Structure formats: structure tokens, C-alpha cells
């Protein structure tokens, strides 16, 4: 079993503190939640290997959750992968729950080790 992040307990994640932006226009409210995930890819020995891991993880997360997911940094480092995730919802609790599920999914569905979860 992998080393656990501080945000994990008994296989379930505690809620990660994320910044939720409230946008109001014409009486409509949107909640925007975003996080930055950093992974360490120990088996990667080239940028090509890293791109394969990234593409697979990003595509699966986009399909499953209909969220905005993209590589956002450390693009020149072949062992470090930084991914940004954003969710827009009409309810604050739904935005938080979606982010929590995406983090869990991405951690459990890759050979890379999730090393950091940070608010954007």
C-alpha cells in the first residue's frame, strides 16, 4: 500500500480545504472550486513517459467527472506532474464533493504518487 497523504484516514479522504469562488450575476450564483495536484512518477525516465501518464489520467478524470482538468506546471520535469482541476456548480457542497471525488479517483487510478494537494 502507498504511503498515505496527511489528508487520508482509513482509505477515505478528509475534505481538502479548497477555495471556492462565488460568482453572482443577474441573481444566479455559481460556485467555482479549484485545486492543484502534484504527483511523483518514479518509473518515468523521459518526458514521453510522463506525457503518457498525464494524458491517461487527465482523459479519464475528464470523462468520469466532466470537470476541467489540465497539466498546469512542471512541464519540463519528467518525474513531477502538476495537474489543475476546476469544477463549477450551482451548489457549494456539490463543488466540494466533486473535488474530493476527483482527488480520490486520481490518486487511486495511477501509478504515480500523489504528493501534494493545494488550493489555487
N, C-alpha and C. Protein backbone atom coordinates (compact mmCIF):
# COMPACT_ATOMS: atom_id res chain seq x y z
N UNK A 1 0.84 -1.19 0.00
CA UNK A 1 0.00 0.00 0.00
C UNK A 1 0.88 1.24 0.00
N UNK A 2 0.45 2.28 -0.69
CA UNK A 2 1.21 3.52 -0.78
C UNK A 2 1.27 4.23 0.56
N UNK A 3 2.29 5.09 0.68
CA UNK A 3 2.32 5.97 1.84
C UNK A 3 1.11 6.88 1.77
N UNK A 4 0.54 7.15 2.91
CA UNK A 4 -0.67 7.97 2.93
C UNK A 4 -0.34 9.45 3.02
N UNK A 5 -1.14 10.23 2.35
CA UNK A 5 -1.06 11.68 2.48
C UNK A 5 -1.66 12.09 3.81
N UNK A 6 -1.28 13.24 4.32
CA UNK A 6 -1.90 13.70 5.57
C UNK A 6 -3.41 13.85 5.46
N UNK A 7 -3.95 13.99 4.26
CA UNK A 7 -5.39 14.18 4.10
C UNK A 7 -6.16 12.87 4.04
N UNK A 8 -5.50 11.73 4.25
CA UNK A 8 -6.17 10.44 4.18
C UNK A 8 -6.30 9.82 5.57
N UNK A 9 -7.43 9.16 5.80
CA UNK A 9 -7.59 8.36 7.01
C UNK A 9 -8.43 7.15 6.66
N UNK A 10 -7.95 5.98 6.99
CA UNK A 10 -8.68 4.73 6.78
C UNK A 10 -9.24 4.58 5.36
N UNK A 11 -8.45 4.97 4.36
CA UNK A 11 -8.87 4.80 2.99
C UNK A 11 -9.81 5.87 2.47
N UNK A 12 -10.24 6.78 3.29
CA UNK A 12 -11.11 7.86 2.84
C UNK A 12 -10.41 9.18 3.09
N UNK A 13 -10.66 10.11 2.23
CA UNK A 13 -10.04 11.43 2.35
C UNK A 13 -10.84 12.32 3.26
N UNK A 14 -10.13 13.03 4.10
CA UNK A 14 -10.79 14.13 4.79
C UNK A 14 -10.94 15.23 3.76
N UNK A 15 -11.87 16.09 3.95
CA UNK A 15 -12.05 17.16 2.98
C UNK A 15 -10.81 18.03 2.92
N UNK A 16 -10.35 18.27 1.71
CA UNK A 16 -9.22 19.15 1.48
C UNK A 16 -9.77 20.57 1.48
N UNK A 17 -9.11 21.46 2.18
CA UNK A 17 -9.58 22.84 2.21
C UNK A 17 -9.30 23.46 0.85
N UNK A 18 -10.36 23.86 0.19
CA UNK A 18 -10.21 24.49 -1.12
C UNK A 18 -10.88 25.84 -1.11
N UNK A 19 -10.40 26.68 -1.98
CA UNK A 19 -11.00 28.00 -2.13
C UNK A 19 -12.18 27.86 -3.08
N UNK A 20 -13.32 28.34 -2.66
CA UNK A 20 -14.50 28.32 -3.52
C UNK A 20 -14.87 29.76 -3.82
N UNK A 21 -14.87 30.10 -5.09
CA UNK A 21 -15.19 31.45 -5.53
C UNK A 21 -16.67 31.52 -5.84
N UNK A 22 -17.31 32.54 -5.33
CA UNK A 22 -18.75 32.72 -5.58
C UNK A 22 -18.89 33.81 -6.64
N UNK A 23 -19.56 33.49 -7.72
CA UNK A 23 -19.80 34.43 -8.80
C UNK A 23 -21.30 34.65 -8.91
N UNK A 24 -21.72 35.88 -8.81
CA UNK A 24 -23.14 36.20 -8.87
C UNK A 24 -23.39 37.21 -9.99
N UNK A 25 -24.35 36.89 -10.82
CA UNK A 25 -24.72 37.78 -11.91
C UNK A 25 -26.19 37.57 -12.23
N UNK A 26 -26.93 38.64 -12.30
CA UNK A 26 -28.36 38.59 -12.61
C UNK A 26 -29.12 37.65 -11.68
N UNK A 27 -28.71 37.57 -10.44
CA UNK A 27 -29.40 36.74 -9.46
C UNK A 27 -29.01 35.27 -9.50
N UNK A 28 -28.11 34.88 -10.41
CA UNK A 28 -27.64 33.50 -10.50
C UNK A 28 -26.31 33.38 -9.78
N UNK A 29 -26.13 32.31 -9.04
CA UNK A 29 -24.90 32.10 -8.30
C UNK A 29 -24.21 30.84 -8.80
N UNK A 30 -22.88 30.95 -9.05
CA UNK A 30 -22.06 29.81 -9.42
C UNK A 30 -20.95 29.68 -8.39
N UNK A 31 -20.63 28.46 -8.04
CA UNK A 31 -19.52 28.18 -7.13
C UNK A 31 -18.41 27.53 -7.94
N UNK A 32 -17.22 28.08 -7.86
CA UNK A 32 -16.08 27.58 -8.62
C UNK A 32 -15.05 27.07 -7.62
N UNK A 33 -14.72 25.79 -7.70
CA UNK A 33 -13.74 25.17 -6.82
C UNK A 33 -12.55 24.71 -7.67
N UNK A 34 -11.34 24.95 -7.17
CA UNK A 34 -10.15 24.56 -7.93
C UNK A 34 -9.05 24.09 -6.99
N UNK A 35 -8.29 23.09 -7.43
CA UNK A 35 -7.14 22.58 -6.69
C UNK A 35 -5.99 22.27 -7.65
N UNK A 36 -4.80 22.21 -7.08
CA UNK A 36 -3.60 21.81 -7.82
C UNK A 36 -3.09 20.52 -7.18
N UNK A 37 -2.91 19.50 -8.00
CA UNK A 37 -2.43 18.20 -7.53
C UNK A 37 -1.02 17.96 -8.08
N UNK A 38 -0.12 17.54 -7.21
CA UNK A 38 1.24 17.25 -7.64
C UNK A 38 1.51 15.76 -7.43
N UNK A 39 2.00 15.12 -8.48
CA UNK A 39 2.30 13.70 -8.47
C UNK A 39 3.79 13.48 -8.71
N UNK A 40 4.33 12.42 -8.11
CA UNK A 40 5.70 11.99 -8.38
C UNK A 40 5.63 10.69 -9.17
N UNK A 41 6.26 10.67 -10.34
CA UNK A 41 6.22 9.50 -11.22
C UNK A 41 7.59 8.83 -11.16
N UNK A 42 7.74 7.89 -10.27
CA UNK A 42 9.05 7.27 -10.04
C UNK A 42 9.56 6.48 -11.25
N UNK A 43 8.68 5.84 -11.99
CA UNK A 43 9.10 4.99 -13.10
C UNK A 43 9.36 5.77 -14.39
N UNK A 44 9.10 7.07 -14.41
CA UNK A 44 9.29 7.87 -15.62
C UNK A 44 10.76 8.21 -15.82
N UNK A 45 11.25 7.94 -17.04
CA UNK A 45 12.63 8.29 -17.35
C UNK A 45 12.73 9.24 -18.53
N UNK A 46 11.58 9.74 -18.99
CA UNK A 46 11.58 10.71 -20.09
C UNK A 46 10.28 11.51 -20.07
N UNK A 47 10.28 12.60 -20.78
CA UNK A 47 9.06 13.40 -20.89
C UNK A 47 7.97 12.63 -21.63
N UNK A 48 8.36 11.74 -22.53
CA UNK A 48 7.38 10.92 -23.24
C UNK A 48 6.61 10.02 -22.27
N UNK A 49 7.31 9.39 -21.33
CA UNK A 49 6.64 8.57 -20.31
C UNK A 49 5.69 9.42 -19.47
N UNK A 50 6.16 10.59 -19.08
CA UNK A 50 5.33 11.48 -18.26
C UNK A 50 4.07 11.88 -19.03
N UNK A 51 4.19 12.21 -20.30
CA UNK A 51 3.02 12.60 -21.10
C UNK A 51 2.01 11.48 -21.19
N UNK A 52 2.47 10.23 -21.28
CA UNK A 52 1.55 9.09 -21.32
C UNK A 52 0.76 8.98 -20.02
N UNK A 53 1.44 9.11 -18.89
CA UNK A 53 0.77 9.06 -17.60
C UNK A 53 -0.22 10.22 -17.48
N UNK A 54 0.23 11.41 -17.85
CA UNK A 54 -0.61 12.61 -17.75
C UNK A 54 -1.84 12.49 -18.63
N UNK A 55 -1.64 12.14 -19.88
CA UNK A 55 -2.76 12.05 -20.82
C UNK A 55 -3.81 11.05 -20.35
N UNK A 56 -3.35 9.90 -19.89
CA UNK A 56 -4.26 8.87 -19.41
C UNK A 56 -5.06 9.36 -18.20
N UNK A 57 -4.40 9.93 -17.24
CA UNK A 57 -5.05 10.39 -16.01
C UNK A 57 -6.01 11.54 -16.28
N UNK A 58 -5.58 12.51 -17.06
CA UNK A 58 -6.42 13.67 -17.38
C UNK A 58 -7.65 13.25 -18.17
N UNK A 59 -7.47 12.42 -19.18
CA UNK A 59 -8.61 11.99 -20.00
C UNK A 59 -9.64 11.21 -19.19
N UNK A 60 -9.18 10.29 -18.34
CA UNK A 60 -10.11 9.51 -17.54
C UNK A 60 -10.87 10.38 -16.54
N UNK A 61 -10.19 11.33 -15.94
CA UNK A 61 -10.86 12.23 -14.98
C UNK A 61 -11.88 13.12 -15.69
N UNK A 62 -11.53 13.62 -16.85
CA UNK A 62 -12.47 14.47 -17.62
C UNK A 62 -13.72 13.68 -17.98
N UNK A 63 -13.54 12.46 -18.46
CA UNK A 63 -14.68 11.64 -18.86
C UNK A 63 -15.58 11.30 -17.68
N UNK A 64 -14.99 10.90 -16.58
CA UNK A 64 -15.77 10.43 -15.44
C UNK A 64 -16.49 11.57 -14.72
N UNK A 65 -15.86 12.74 -14.61
CA UNK A 65 -16.41 13.81 -13.79
C UNK A 65 -16.87 15.04 -14.54
N UNK A 66 -16.63 15.14 -15.84
CA UNK A 66 -17.00 16.31 -16.61
C UNK A 66 -16.47 17.59 -15.94
N UNK A 67 -15.20 17.56 -15.58
CA UNK A 67 -14.54 18.68 -14.92
C UNK A 67 -13.43 19.21 -15.83
N UNK A 68 -12.96 20.40 -15.53
CA UNK A 68 -11.80 20.94 -16.24
C UNK A 68 -10.55 20.40 -15.57
N UNK A 69 -9.74 19.67 -16.35
CA UNK A 69 -8.53 19.04 -15.82
C UNK A 69 -7.43 19.26 -16.85
N UNK A 70 -6.27 19.76 -16.39
CA UNK A 70 -5.16 20.01 -17.31
C UNK A 70 -3.84 20.01 -16.57
N UNK A 71 -2.76 19.69 -17.31
CA UNK A 71 -1.42 19.84 -16.74
C UNK A 71 -1.14 21.33 -16.67
N UNK A 72 -0.72 21.82 -15.51
CA UNK A 72 -0.58 23.27 -15.33
C UNK A 72 0.82 23.72 -14.95
N UNK A 73 1.73 22.82 -14.75
CA UNK A 73 3.08 23.24 -14.37
C UNK A 73 4.05 22.09 -14.45
N UNK A 74 5.29 22.37 -14.12
CA UNK A 74 6.38 21.40 -14.11
C UNK A 74 6.44 20.59 -15.41
N UNK A 75 6.16 21.24 -16.52
CA UNK A 75 6.10 20.53 -17.79
C UNK A 75 7.47 20.10 -18.29
N UNK A 76 8.53 20.70 -17.78
CA UNK A 76 9.87 20.34 -18.22
C UNK A 76 10.52 19.27 -17.34
N UNK A 77 9.87 18.91 -16.23
CA UNK A 77 10.41 17.90 -15.33
C UNK A 77 9.74 16.55 -15.61
N UNK A 78 10.52 15.51 -15.85
CA UNK A 78 9.93 14.23 -16.28
C UNK A 78 9.42 13.37 -15.13
N UNK A 79 9.73 13.69 -13.89
CA UNK A 79 9.24 12.88 -12.76
C UNK A 79 8.15 13.57 -11.94
N UNK A 80 7.92 14.85 -12.18
CA UNK A 80 6.93 15.61 -11.43
C UNK A 80 5.80 16.03 -12.37
N UNK A 81 4.58 15.75 -11.97
CA UNK A 81 3.39 16.08 -12.75
C UNK A 81 2.48 16.96 -11.91
N UNK A 82 2.14 18.13 -12.43
CA UNK A 82 1.25 19.05 -11.73
C UNK A 82 -0.01 19.23 -12.56
N UNK A 83 -1.14 18.92 -11.94
CA UNK A 83 -2.43 18.96 -12.64
C UNK A 83 -3.37 19.91 -11.90
N UNK A 84 -4.05 20.75 -12.66
CA UNK A 84 -5.06 21.64 -12.10
C UNK A 84 -6.44 21.06 -12.38
N UNK A 85 -7.33 21.18 -11.40
CA UNK A 85 -8.70 20.68 -11.53
C UNK A 85 -9.65 21.79 -11.12
N UNK A 86 -10.68 22.03 -11.92
CA UNK A 86 -11.68 23.04 -11.58
C UNK A 86 -13.08 22.48 -11.83
N UNK A 87 -14.00 22.85 -10.93
CA UNK A 87 -15.39 22.42 -11.00
C UNK A 87 -16.27 23.64 -10.80
N UNK A 88 -17.31 23.75 -11.59
CA UNK A 88 -18.30 24.81 -11.42
C UNK A 88 -19.63 24.14 -11.10
N UNK A 89 -20.31 24.67 -10.08
CA UNK A 89 -21.57 24.07 -9.66
C UNK A 89 -22.52 25.15 -9.16
N UNK A 90 -23.76 24.81 -9.11
CA UNK A 90 -24.77 25.70 -8.56
C UNK A 90 -24.88 25.59 -7.05
N UNK A 91 -24.22 24.58 -6.47
CA UNK A 91 -24.25 24.38 -5.02
C UNK A 91 -22.83 24.23 -4.49
N UNK A 92 -22.55 24.91 -3.39
CA UNK A 92 -21.22 24.88 -2.79
C UNK A 92 -20.84 23.46 -2.37
N UNK A 93 -21.76 22.74 -1.75
CA UNK A 93 -21.46 21.38 -1.27
C UNK A 93 -21.16 20.43 -2.43
N UNK A 94 -21.83 20.62 -3.55
CA UNK A 94 -21.58 19.78 -4.72
C UNK A 94 -20.19 20.04 -5.29
N UNK A 95 -19.79 21.30 -5.32
CA UNK A 95 -18.45 21.64 -5.81
C UNK A 95 -17.39 20.98 -4.93
N UNK A 96 -17.55 21.07 -3.62
CA UNK A 96 -16.59 20.46 -2.69
C UNK A 96 -16.58 18.95 -2.84
N UNK A 97 -17.74 18.34 -2.90
CA UNK A 97 -17.83 16.89 -3.04
C UNK A 97 -17.20 16.41 -4.34
N UNK A 98 -17.42 17.14 -5.42
CA UNK A 98 -16.85 16.77 -6.71
C UNK A 98 -15.32 16.80 -6.67
N UNK A 99 -14.76 17.86 -6.07
CA UNK A 99 -13.30 17.96 -5.95
C UNK A 99 -12.75 16.80 -5.12
N UNK A 100 -13.41 16.50 -4.02
CA UNK A 100 -12.97 15.38 -3.17
C UNK A 100 -12.96 14.06 -3.94
N UNK A 101 -14.01 13.82 -4.73
CA UNK A 101 -14.10 12.58 -5.51
C UNK A 101 -13.03 12.53 -6.59
N UNK A 102 -12.76 13.66 -7.23
CA UNK A 102 -11.74 13.71 -8.28
C UNK A 102 -10.36 13.43 -7.70
N UNK A 103 -10.06 14.01 -6.55
CA UNK A 103 -8.77 13.76 -5.89
C UNK A 103 -8.62 12.28 -5.57
N UNK A 104 -9.65 11.69 -4.99
CA UNK A 104 -9.61 10.27 -4.64
C UNK A 104 -9.40 9.42 -5.90
N UNK A 105 -10.17 9.71 -6.94
CA UNK A 105 -10.08 8.96 -8.19
C UNK A 105 -8.68 9.05 -8.79
N UNK A 106 -8.13 10.26 -8.85
CA UNK A 106 -6.82 10.44 -9.47
C UNK A 106 -5.72 9.77 -8.66
N UNK A 107 -5.83 9.76 -7.36
CA UNK A 107 -4.84 9.09 -6.53
C UNK A 107 -4.90 7.58 -6.70
N UNK A 108 -6.09 7.03 -6.80
CA UNK A 108 -6.26 5.59 -6.87
C UNK A 108 -6.08 5.00 -8.27
N UNK A 109 -6.08 5.84 -9.31
CA UNK A 109 -6.05 5.33 -10.67
C UNK A 109 -4.80 5.71 -11.45
N UNK A 110 -3.68 5.76 -10.76
CA UNK A 110 -2.41 6.00 -11.44
C UNK A 110 -1.30 5.34 -10.65
N UNK A 111 -0.20 5.05 -11.35
CA UNK A 111 0.98 4.51 -10.68
C UNK A 111 1.81 5.61 -10.03
N UNK A 112 1.50 6.86 -10.37
CA UNK A 112 2.22 7.99 -9.78
C UNK A 112 1.73 8.20 -8.34
N UNK A 113 2.60 8.75 -7.52
CA UNK A 113 2.28 9.01 -6.12
C UNK A 113 1.80 10.45 -5.95
N UNK A 114 0.60 10.62 -5.41
CA UNK A 114 0.08 11.96 -5.12
C UNK A 114 0.84 12.50 -3.93
N UNK A 115 1.59 13.59 -4.13
CA UNK A 115 2.45 14.12 -3.07
C UNK A 115 1.91 15.41 -2.46
N UNK A 116 1.06 16.13 -3.19
CA UNK A 116 0.56 17.40 -2.65
C UNK A 116 -0.80 17.73 -3.25
N UNK A 117 -1.65 18.27 -2.40
CA UNK A 117 -2.94 18.81 -2.82
C UNK A 117 -2.97 20.23 -2.29
N UNK A 118 -3.11 21.21 -3.18
CA UNK A 118 -3.07 22.61 -2.74
C UNK A 118 -4.21 23.39 -3.38
N UNK A 119 -4.73 24.35 -2.63
CA UNK A 119 -5.74 25.22 -3.21
C UNK A 119 -5.06 26.18 -4.18
N UNK A 120 -5.82 26.61 -5.16
CA UNK A 120 -5.28 27.53 -6.16
C UNK A 120 -5.73 28.93 -5.81
